[in-house]
All heavy atoms as atom14 arrays in JSON, in Angstrom:
{
  "sequence": "LDWRTEPFNPGLKVFAAGYPLNLDTDPLDADYTLTAGIV",
  "atom14_mask": [
    [1, 1, 1, 1, 1, 1, 1, 1, 0, 0, 0, 0, 0, 0],
    [1, 1, 1, 1, 1, 1, 1, 1, 0, 0, 0, 0, 0, 0],
    [1, 1, 1, 1, 1, 1, 1, 1, 1, 1, 1, 1, 1, 1],
    [1, 1, 1, 1, 1, 1, 1, 1, 1, 1, 1, 0, 0, 0],
    [1, 1, 1, 1, 1, 1, 1, 0, 0, 0, 0, 0, 0, 0],
    [1, 1, 1, 1, 1, 1, 1, 1, 1, 0, 0, 0, 0, 0],
    [1, 1, 1, 1, 1, 1, 1, 0, 0, 0, 0, 0, 0, 0],
    [1, 1, 1, 1, 1, 1, 1, 1, 1, 1, 1, 0, 0, 0],
    [1, 1, 1, 1, 1, 1, 1, 1, 0, 0, 0, 0, 0, 0],
    [1, 1, 1, 1, 1, 1, 1, 0, 0, 0, 0, 0, 0, 0],
    [1, 1, 1, 1, 0, 0, 0, 0, 0, 0, 0, 0, 0, 0],
    [1, 1, 1, 1, 1, 1, 1, 1, 0, 0, 0, 0, 0, 0],
    [1, 1, 1, 1, 1, 1, 1, 1, 1, 0, 0, 0, 0, 0],
    [1, 1, 1, 1, 1, 1, 1, 0, 0, 0, 0, 0, 0, 0],
    [1, 1, 1, 1, 1, 1, 1, 1, 1, 1, 1, 0, 0, 0],
    [1, 1, 1, 1, 1, 0, 0, 0, 0, 0, 0, 0, 0, 0],
    [1, 1, 1, 1, 1, 0, 0, 0, 0, 0, 0, 0, 0, 0],
    [1, 1, 1, 1, 0, 0, 0, 0, 0, 0, 0, 0, 0, 0],
    [1, 1, 1, 1, 1, 1, 1, 1, 1, 1, 1, 1, 0, 0],
    [1, 1, 1, 1, 1, 1, 1, 0, 0, 0, 0, 0, 0, 0],
    [1, 1, 1, 1, 1, 1, 1, 1, 0, 0, 0, 0, 0, 0],
    [1, 1, 1, 1, 1, 1, 1, 1, 0, 0, 0, 0, 0, 0],
    [1, 1, 1, 1, 1, 1, 1, 1, 0, 0, 0, 0, 0, 0],
    [1, 1, 1, 1, 1, 1, 1, 1, 0, 0, 0, 0, 0, 0],
    [1, 1, 1, 1, 1, 1, 1, 0, 0, 0, 0, 0, 0, 0],
    [1, 1, 1, 1, 1, 1, 1, 1, 0, 0, 0, 0, 0, 0],
    [1, 1, 1, 1, 1, 1, 1, 0, 0, 0, 0, 0, 0, 0],
    [1, 1, 1, 1, 1, 1, 1, 1, 0, 0, 0, 0, 0, 0],
    [1, 1, 1, 1, 1, 1, 1, 1, 0, 0, 0, 0, 0, 0],
    [1, 1, 1, 1, 1, 0, 0, 0, 0, 0, 0, 0, 0, 0],
    [1, 1, 1, 1, 1, 1, 1, 1, 0, 0, 0, 0, 0, 0],
    [1, 1, 1, 1, 1, 1, 1, 1, 1, 1, 1, 1, 0, 0],
    [1, 1, 1, 1, 1, 1, 1, 0, 0, 0, 0, 0, 0, 0],
    [1, 1, 1, 1, 1, 1, 1, 1, 0, 0, 0, 0, 0, 0],
    [1, 1, 1, 1, 1, 1, 1, 0, 0, 0, 0, 0, 0, 0],
    [1, 1, 1, 1, 1, 0, 0, 0, 0, 0, 0, 0, 0, 0],
    [1, 1, 1, 1, 0, 0, 0, 0, 0, 0, 0, 0, 0, 0],
    [1, 1, 1, 1, 1, 1, 1, 1, 0, 0, 0, 0, 0, 0],
    [1, 1, 1, 1, 1, 1, 1, 0, 0, 0, 0, 0, 0, 0]
  ],
  "atom14_positions": [
    [[25.15, 6.73, -63.27], [24.04, 7.67, -63.31], [24.53, 9.06, -63.68], [25.67, 9.43, -63.4], [23.33, 7.73, -61.95], [22.75, 6.42, -61.41], [22.08, 6.68, -60.06], [21.76, 5.81, -62.39], [0.0, 0.0, 0.0], [0.0, 0.0, 0.0], [0.0, 0.0, 0.0], [0.0, 0.0, 0.0], [0.0, 0.0, 0.0], [0.0, 0.0, 0.0]],
    [[23.63, 9.85, -64.28], [23.89, 11.25, -64.6], [23.26, 12.14, -63.54], [22.23, 11.8, -62.93], [23.29, 11.62, -65.96], [24.16, 11.15, -67.12], [25.39, 11.25, -67.01], [23.59, 10.69, -68.12], [0.0, 0.0, 0.0], [0.0, 0.0, 0.0], [0.0, 0.0, 0.0], [0.0, 0.0, 0.0], [0.0, 0.0, 0.0], [0.0, 0.0, 0.0]],
    [[23.84, 13.32, -63.33], [23.22, 14.34, -62.5], [22.12, 15.03, -63.3], [22.28, 15.29, -64.49], [24.24, 15.39, -62.07], [25.39, 14.88, -61.27], [26.65, 14.63, -61.72], [25.4, 14.58, -59.88], [27.46, 14.19, -60.7], [26.72, 14.15, -59.55], [24.44, 14.63, -58.87], [27.08, 13.78, -58.26], [24.8, 14.26, -57.58], [26.12, 13.84, -57.28]],
    [[21.02, 15.34, -62.68], [19.99, 16.16, -63.33], [20.46, 17.6, -63.35], [20.85, 18.16, -62.32], [18.66, 16.05, -62.59], [17.56, 16.92, -63.21], [16.3, 16.93, -62.37], [15.34, 17.91, -62.86], [14.23, 17.63, -63.52], [13.92, 16.35, -63.75], [13.41, 18.59, -63.93], [0.0, 0.0, 0.0], [0.0, 0.0, 0.0], [0.0, 0.0, 0.0]],
    [[20.41, 18.24, -64.51], [20.85, 19.62, -64.65], [19.68, 20.58, -64.87], [19.84, 21.79, -64.73], [21.84, 19.76, -65.81], [21.23, 19.29, -67.02], [23.11, 18.96, -65.53], [0.0, 0.0, 0.0], [0.0, 0.0, 0.0], [0.0, 0.0, 0.0], [0.0, 0.0, 0.0], [0.0, 0.0, 0.0], [0.0, 0.0, 0.0], [0.0, 0.0, 0.0]],
    [[18.48, 20.05, -65.23], [17.34, 20.91, -65.46], [16.77, 21.41, -64.14], [16.7, 20.68, -63.16], [16.24, 20.17, -66.23], [16.63, 19.72, -67.63], [17.4, 18.42, -67.61], [17.55, 17.84, -66.52], [17.87, 18.01, -68.69], [0.0, 0.0, 0.0], [0.0, 0.0, 0.0], [0.0, 0.0, 0.0], [0.0, 0.0, 0.0], [0.0, 0.0, 0.0]],
    [[16.33, 22.67, -64.08], [15.7, 23.18, -62.86], [14.38, 22.47, -62.61], [13.78, 21.9, -63.53], [15.49, 24.67, -63.17], [15.45, 24.76, -64.65], [16.37, 23.69, -65.15], [0.0, 0.0, 0.0], [0.0, 0.0, 0.0], [0.0, 0.0, 0.0], [0.0, 0.0, 0.0], [0.0, 0.0, 0.0], [0.0, 0.0, 0.0], [0.0, 0.0, 0.0]],
    [[13.91, 22.52, -61.38], [12.64, 21.87, -61.04], [11.99, 22.63, -59.9], [12.62, 23.44, -59.22], [12.87, 20.4, -60.65], [13.8, 20.21, -59.48], [13.32, 20.21, -58.17], [15.15, 20.04, -59.69], [14.17, 20.06, -57.1], [16.02, 19.87, -58.61], [15.53, 19.88, -57.33], [0.0, 0.0, 0.0], [0.0, 0.0, 0.0], [0.0, 0.0, 0.0]],
    [[10.73, 22.36, -59.69], [9.95, 23.0, -58.65], [9.4, 21.96, -57.68], [9.38, 20.76, -58.0], [8.78, 23.79, -59.26], [9.24, 24.93, -60.14], [10.12, 25.69, -59.75], [8.65, 25.05, -61.32], [0.0, 0.0, 0.0], [0.0, 0.0, 0.0], [0.0, 0.0, 0.0], [0.0, 0.0, 0.0], [0.0, 0.0, 0.0], [0.0, 0.0, 0.0]],
    [[8.93, 22.39, -56.51], [8.23, 21.45, -55.63], [7.11, 20.75, -56.39], [6.42, 21.36, -57.21], [7.68, 22.35, -54.52], [8.66, 23.48, -54.45], [9.06, 23.72, -55.87], [0.0, 0.0, 0.0], [0.0, 0.0, 0.0], [0.0, 0.0, 0.0], [0.0, 0.0, 0.0], [0.0, 0.0, 0.0], [0.0, 0.0, 0.0], [0.0, 0.0, 0.0]],
    [[6.96, 19.47, -56.12], [5.99, 18.66, -56.85], [6.63, 17.7, -57.82], [5.97, 16.77, -58.32], [0.0, 0.0, 0.0], [0.0, 0.0, 0.0], [0.0, 0.0, 0.0], [0.0, 0.0, 0.0], [0.0, 0.0, 0.0], [0.0, 0.0, 0.0], [0.0, 0.0, 0.0], [0.0, 0.0, 0.0], [0.0, 0.0, 0.0], [0.0, 0.0, 0.0]],
    [[7.93, 17.88, -58.11], [8.63, 16.94, -59.0], [8.57, 15.54, -58.4], [8.88, 15.33, -57.23], [10.08, 17.37, -59.17], [10.95, 16.43, -60.03], [10.57, 16.54, -61.5], [12.43, 16.73, -59.82], [0.0, 0.0, 0.0], [0.0, 0.0, 0.0], [0.0, 0.0, 0.0], [0.0, 0.0, 0.0], [0.0, 0.0, 0.0], [0.0, 0.0, 0.0]],
    [[8.18, 14.56, -59.21], [8.13, 13.18, -58.75], [9.55, 12.63, -58.63], [10.36, 12.76, -59.56], [7.32, 12.32, -59.71], [7.01, 10.93, -59.16], [6.04, 10.18, -60.06], [5.65, 8.83, -59.45], [4.68, 8.1, -60.3], [0.0, 0.0, 0.0], [0.0, 0.0, 0.0], [0.0, 0.0, 0.0], [0.0, 0.0, 0.0], [0.0, 0.0, 0.0]],
    [[9.86, 12.06, -57.49], [11.22, 11.55, -57.23], [11.15, 10.17, -56.59], [10.12, 9.76, -56.04], [12.01, 12.51, -56.31], [12.37, 13.79, -57.04], [11.24, 12.79, -55.03], [0.0, 0.0, 0.0], [0.0, 0.0, 0.0], [0.0, 0.0, 0.0], [0.0, 0.0, 0.0], [0.0, 0.0, 0.0], [0.0, 0.0, 0.0], [0.0, 0.0, 0.0]],
    [[12.31, 9.48, -56.64], [12.42, 8.13, -56.09], [13.73, 8.03, -55.3], [14.77, 8.51, -55.77], [12.42, 7.09, -57.22], [11.24, 7.21, -58.14], [11.3, 8.04, -59.26], [10.08, 6.51, -57.89], [10.22, 8.18, -60.11], [8.99, 6.63, -58.74], [9.04, 7.46, -59.85], [0.0, 0.0, 0.0], [0.0, 0.0, 0.0], [0.0, 0.0, 0.0]],
    [[13.65, 7.44, -54.13], [14.83, 7.26, -53.28], [15.29, 5.81, -53.38], [14.54, 4.89, -53.05], [14.51, 7.6, -51.82], [0.0, 0.0, 0.0], [0.0, 0.0, 0.0], [0.0, 0.0, 0.0], [0.0, 0.0, 0.0], [0.0, 0.0, 0.0], [0.0, 0.0, 0.0], [0.0, 0.0, 0.0], [0.0, 0.0, 0.0], [0.0, 0.0, 0.0]],
    [[16.54, 5.62, -53.81], [17.1, 4.29, -53.98], [18.17, 4.04, -52.92], [18.89, 4.96, -52.52], [17.71, 4.14, -55.38], [0.0, 0.0, 0.0], [0.0, 0.0, 0.0], [0.0, 0.0, 0.0], [0.0, 0.0, 0.0], [0.0, 0.0, 0.0], [0.0, 0.0, 0.0], [0.0, 0.0, 0.0], [0.0, 0.0, 0.0], [0.0, 0.0, 0.0]],
    [[18.28, 2.8, -52.48], [19.32, 2.48, -51.5], [19.15, 1.11, -50.92], [18.31, 0.31, -51.37], [0.0, 0.0, 0.0], [0.0, 0.0, 0.0], [0.0, 0.0, 0.0], [0.0, 0.0, 0.0], [0.0, 0.0, 0.0], [0.0, 0.0, 0.0], [0.0, 0.0, 0.0], [0.0, 0.0, 0.0], [0.0, 0.0, 0.0], [0.0, 0.0, 0.0]],
    [[19.95, 0.84, -49.89], [19.95, -0.46, -49.23], [19.7, -0.29, -47.73], [20.61, -0.47, -46.91], [21.28, -1.17, -49.46], [21.43, -1.73, -50.86], [21.95, -0.95, -51.88], [21.04, -3.03, -51.15], [22.09, -1.45, -53.17], [21.18, -3.54, -52.44], [21.7, -2.75, -53.45], [21.83, -3.25, -54.71], [0.0, 0.0, 0.0], [0.0, 0.0, 0.0]],
    [[18.48, 0.08, -47.33], [18.19, 0.19, -45.89], [18.23, -1.18, -45.24], [17.9, -2.19, -45.86], [16.78, 0.77, -45.87], [16.17, 0.33, -47.17], [17.31, 0.34, -48.16], [0.0, 0.0, 0.0], [0.0, 0.0, 0.0], [0.0, 0.0, 0.0], [0.0, 0.0, 0.0], [0.0, 0.0, 0.0], [0.0, 0.0, 0.0], [0.0, 0.0, 0.0]],
    [[18.63, -1.19, -43.96], [18.75, -2.46, -43.25], [17.38, -3.07, -42.99], [17.21, -4.28, -42.95], [19.49, -2.26, -41.93], [20.0, -3.52, -41.24], [20.94, -4.29, -42.14], [20.7, -3.17, -39.93], [0.0, 0.0, 0.0], [0.0, 0.0, 0.0], [0.0, 0.0, 0.0], [0.0, 0.0, 0.0], [0.0, 0.0, 0.0], [0.0, 0.0, 0.0]],
    [[16.34, -2.21, -42.82], [14.99, -2.69, -42.57], [14.96, -3.7, -41.44], [15.53, -3.47, -40.39], [14.36, -3.24, -43.85], [14.07, -2.13, -44.86], [13.86, -0.99, -44.48], [14.07, -2.46, -46.13], [0.0, 0.0, 0.0], [0.0, 0.0, 0.0], [0.0, 0.0, 0.0], [0.0, 0.0, 0.0], [0.0, 0.0, 0.0], [0.0, 0.0, 0.0]],
    [[14.34, -4.85, -41.63], [14.22, -5.84, -40.57], [15.35, -6.86, -40.58], [15.37, -7.77, -39.75], [12.87, -6.57, -40.69], [11.63, -5.67, -40.6], [10.37, -6.52, -40.75], [11.62, -4.91, -39.29], [0.0, 0.0, 0.0], [0.0, 0.0, 0.0], [0.0, 0.0, 0.0], [0.0, 0.0, 0.0], [0.0, 0.0, 0.0], [0.0, 0.0, 0.0]],
    [[16.27, -6.74, -41.51], [17.39, -7.68, -41.57], [18.41, -7.35, -40.47], [18.53, -6.22, -40.02], [18.09, -7.59, -42.93], [17.17, -7.97, -44.07], [16.54, -9.02, -43.99], [17.08, -7.16, -45.02], [0.0, 0.0, 0.0], [0.0, 0.0, 0.0], [0.0, 0.0, 0.0], [0.0, 0.0, 0.0], [0.0, 0.0, 0.0], [0.0, 0.0, 0.0]],
    [[19.14, -8.36, -40.03], [20.21, -8.14, -39.06], [21.58, -8.29, -39.7], [22.56, -7.81, -39.16], [20.09, -9.13, -37.89], [20.11, -10.47, -38.4], [18.8, -8.9, -37.12], [0.0, 0.0, 0.0], [0.0, 0.0, 0.0], [0.0, 0.0, 0.0], [0.0, 0.0, 0.0], [0.0, 0.0, 0.0], [0.0, 0.0, 0.0], [0.0, 0.0, 0.0]],
    [[21.66, -8.99, -40.83], [22.91, -9.16, -41.55], [22.91, -8.17, -42.72], [22.01, -8.21, -43.56], [23.02, -10.59, -42.07], [24.38, -10.88, -42.7], [25.06, -9.92, -43.11], [24.75, -12.06, -42.79], [0.0, 0.0, 0.0], [0.0, 0.0, 0.0], [0.0, 0.0, 0.0], [0.0, 0.0, 0.0], [0.0, 0.0, 0.0], [0.0, 0.0, 0.0]],
    [[23.9, -7.28, -42.79], [23.91, -6.3, -43.88], [23.94, -6.93, -45.26], [23.46, -6.33, -46.22], [25.18, -5.48, -43.61], [26.04, -6.36, -42.76], [25.08, -7.15, -41.92], [0.0, 0.0, 0.0], [0.0, 0.0, 0.0], [0.0, 0.0, 0.0], [0.0, 0.0, 0.0], [0.0, 0.0, 0.0], [0.0, 0.0, 0.0], [0.0, 0.0, 0.0]],
    [[24.49, -8.12, -45.37], [24.53, -8.78, -46.67], [23.12, -9.14, -47.15], [22.91, -9.35, -48.34], [25.4, -10.04, -46.6], [26.9, -9.81, -46.4], [27.63, -11.13, -46.29], [27.47, -8.97, -47.52], [0.0, 0.0, 0.0], [0.0, 0.0, 0.0], [0.0, 0.0, 0.0], [0.0, 0.0, 0.0], [0.0, 0.0, 0.0], [0.0, 0.0, 0.0]],
    [[22.16, -9.2, -46.21], [20.78, -9.53, -46.58], [19.96, -8.3, -46.95], [18.81, -8.44, -47.38], [20.09, -10.26, -45.42], [20.7, -11.63, -45.16], [21.27, -12.21, -46.1], [20.61, -12.1, -44.01], [0.0, 0.0, 0.0], [0.0, 0.0, 0.0], [0.0, 0.0, 0.0], [0.0, 0.0, 0.0], [0.0, 0.0, 0.0], [0.0, 0.0, 0.0]],
    [[20.52, -7.1, -46.75], [19.76, -5.88, -47.06], [19.46, -5.83, -48.56], [20.36, -5.99, -49.39], [20.54, -4.65, -46.63], [0.0, 0.0, 0.0], [0.0, 0.0, 0.0], [0.0, 0.0, 0.0], [0.0, 0.0, 0.0], [0.0, 0.0, 0.0], [0.0, 0.0, 0.0], [0.0, 0.0, 0.0], [0.0, 0.0, 0.0], [0.0, 0.0, 0.0]],
    [[18.21, -5.6, -48.9], [17.77, -5.6, -50.29], [17.72, -4.19, -50.88], [17.5, -3.21, -50.16], [16.38, -6.22, -50.41], [16.36, -7.69, -50.02], [17.33, -8.4, -50.34], [15.38, -8.12, -49.38], [0.0, 0.0, 0.0], [0.0, 0.0, 0.0], [0.0, 0.0, 0.0], [0.0, 0.0, 0.0], [0.0, 0.0, 0.0], [0.0, 0.0, 0.0]],
    [[17.9, -4.12, -52.17], [17.71, -2.86, -52.88], [16.27, -2.42, -52.73], [15.33, -3.2, -52.9], [18.06, -3.04, -54.36], [17.73, -1.84, -55.21], [18.53, -0.71, -55.18], [16.6, -1.83, -56.03], [18.23, 0.41, -55.96], [16.28, -0.73, -56.82], [17.11, 0.38, -56.77], [16.8, 1.48, -57.54], [0.0, 0.0, 0.0], [0.0, 0.0, 0.0]],
    [[16.09, -1.15, -52.39], [14.74, -0.62, -52.13], [14.56, 0.69, -52.88], [15.47, 1.5, -52.98], [14.54, -0.38, -50.62], [14.7, -1.62, -49.93], [13.16, 0.17, -50.33], [0.0, 0.0, 0.0], [0.0, 0.0, 0.0], [0.0, 0.0, 0.0], [0.0, 0.0, 0.0], [0.0, 0.0, 0.0], [0.0, 0.0, 0.0], [0.0, 0.0, 0.0]],
    [[13.35, 0.88, -53.42], [13.01, 2.1, -54.13], [11.67, 2.6, -53.59], [10.7, 1.85, -53.53], [12.9, 1.83, -55.63], [12.91, 3.04, -56.56], [14.26, 3.72, -56.53], [12.56, 2.62, -57.98], [0.0, 0.0, 0.0], [0.0, 0.0, 0.0], [0.0, 0.0, 0.0], [0.0, 0.0, 0.0], [0.0, 0.0, 0.0], [0.0, 0.0, 0.0]],
    [[11.65, 3.85, -53.14], [10.4, 4.44, -52.65], [10.1, 5.7, -53.44], [11.01, 6.36, -53.95], [10.49, 4.78, -51.15], [11.6, 5.67, -50.94], [10.71, 3.52, -50.32], [0.0, 0.0, 0.0], [0.0, 0.0, 0.0], [0.0, 0.0, 0.0], [0.0, 0.0, 0.0], [0.0, 0.0, 0.0], [0.0, 0.0, 0.0], [0.0, 0.0, 0.0]],
    [[8.82, 6.06, -53.53], [8.39, 7.17, -54.38], [7.84, 8.31, -53.55], [7.33, 8.13, -52.44], [7.32, 6.7, -55.36], [0.0, 0.0, 0.0], [0.0, 0.0, 0.0], [0.0, 0.0, 0.0], [0.0, 0.0, 0.0], [0.0, 0.0, 0.0], [0.0, 0.0, 0.0], [0.0, 0.0, 0.0], [0.0, 0.0, 0.0], [0.0, 0.0, 0.0]],
    [[7.96, 9.53, -54.08], [7.4, 10.71, -53.44], [7.55, 11.9, -54.34], [7.74, 11.76, -55.56], [0.0, 0.0, 0.0], [0.0, 0.0, 0.0], [0.0, 0.0, 0.0], [0.0, 0.0, 0.0], [0.0, 0.0, 0.0], [0.0, 0.0, 0.0], [0.0, 0.0, 0.0], [0.0, 0.0, 0.0], [0.0, 0.0, 0.0], [0.0, 0.0, 0.0]],
    [[7.45, 13.09, -53.76], [7.63, 14.33, -54.51], [8.56, 15.25, -53.75], [8.75, 15.11, -52.53], [6.3, 15.05, -54.78], [5.64, 15.46, -53.47], [5.38, 14.19, -55.63], [4.44, 16.37, -53.65], [0.0, 0.0, 0.0], [0.0, 0.0, 0.0], [0.0, 0.0, 0.0], [0.0, 0.0, 0.0], [0.0, 0.0, 0.0], [0.0, 0.0, 0.0]],
    [[9.15, 16.19, -54.46], [9.94, 17.24, -53.81], [8.98, 18.17, -53.09], [8.0, 18.65, -53.66], [10.76, 18.02, -54.85], [11.39, 19.26, -54.22], [11.84, 17.12, -55.45], [0.0, 0.0, 0.0], [0.0, 0.0, 0.0], [0.0, 0.0, 0.0], [0.0, 0.0, 0.0], [0.0, 0.0, 0.0], [0.0, 0.0, 0.0], [0.0, 0.0, 0.0]]
  ]
}
């Protein structure tokens, strides 16, 4: 991935990516998750 270098203001649409444990108990079962929001 590249870093964003352009300036931005509150309201920019963003997405959080990662592997939260959620309801799983085995970390190997944690799924890739993407959630949406704004700055």
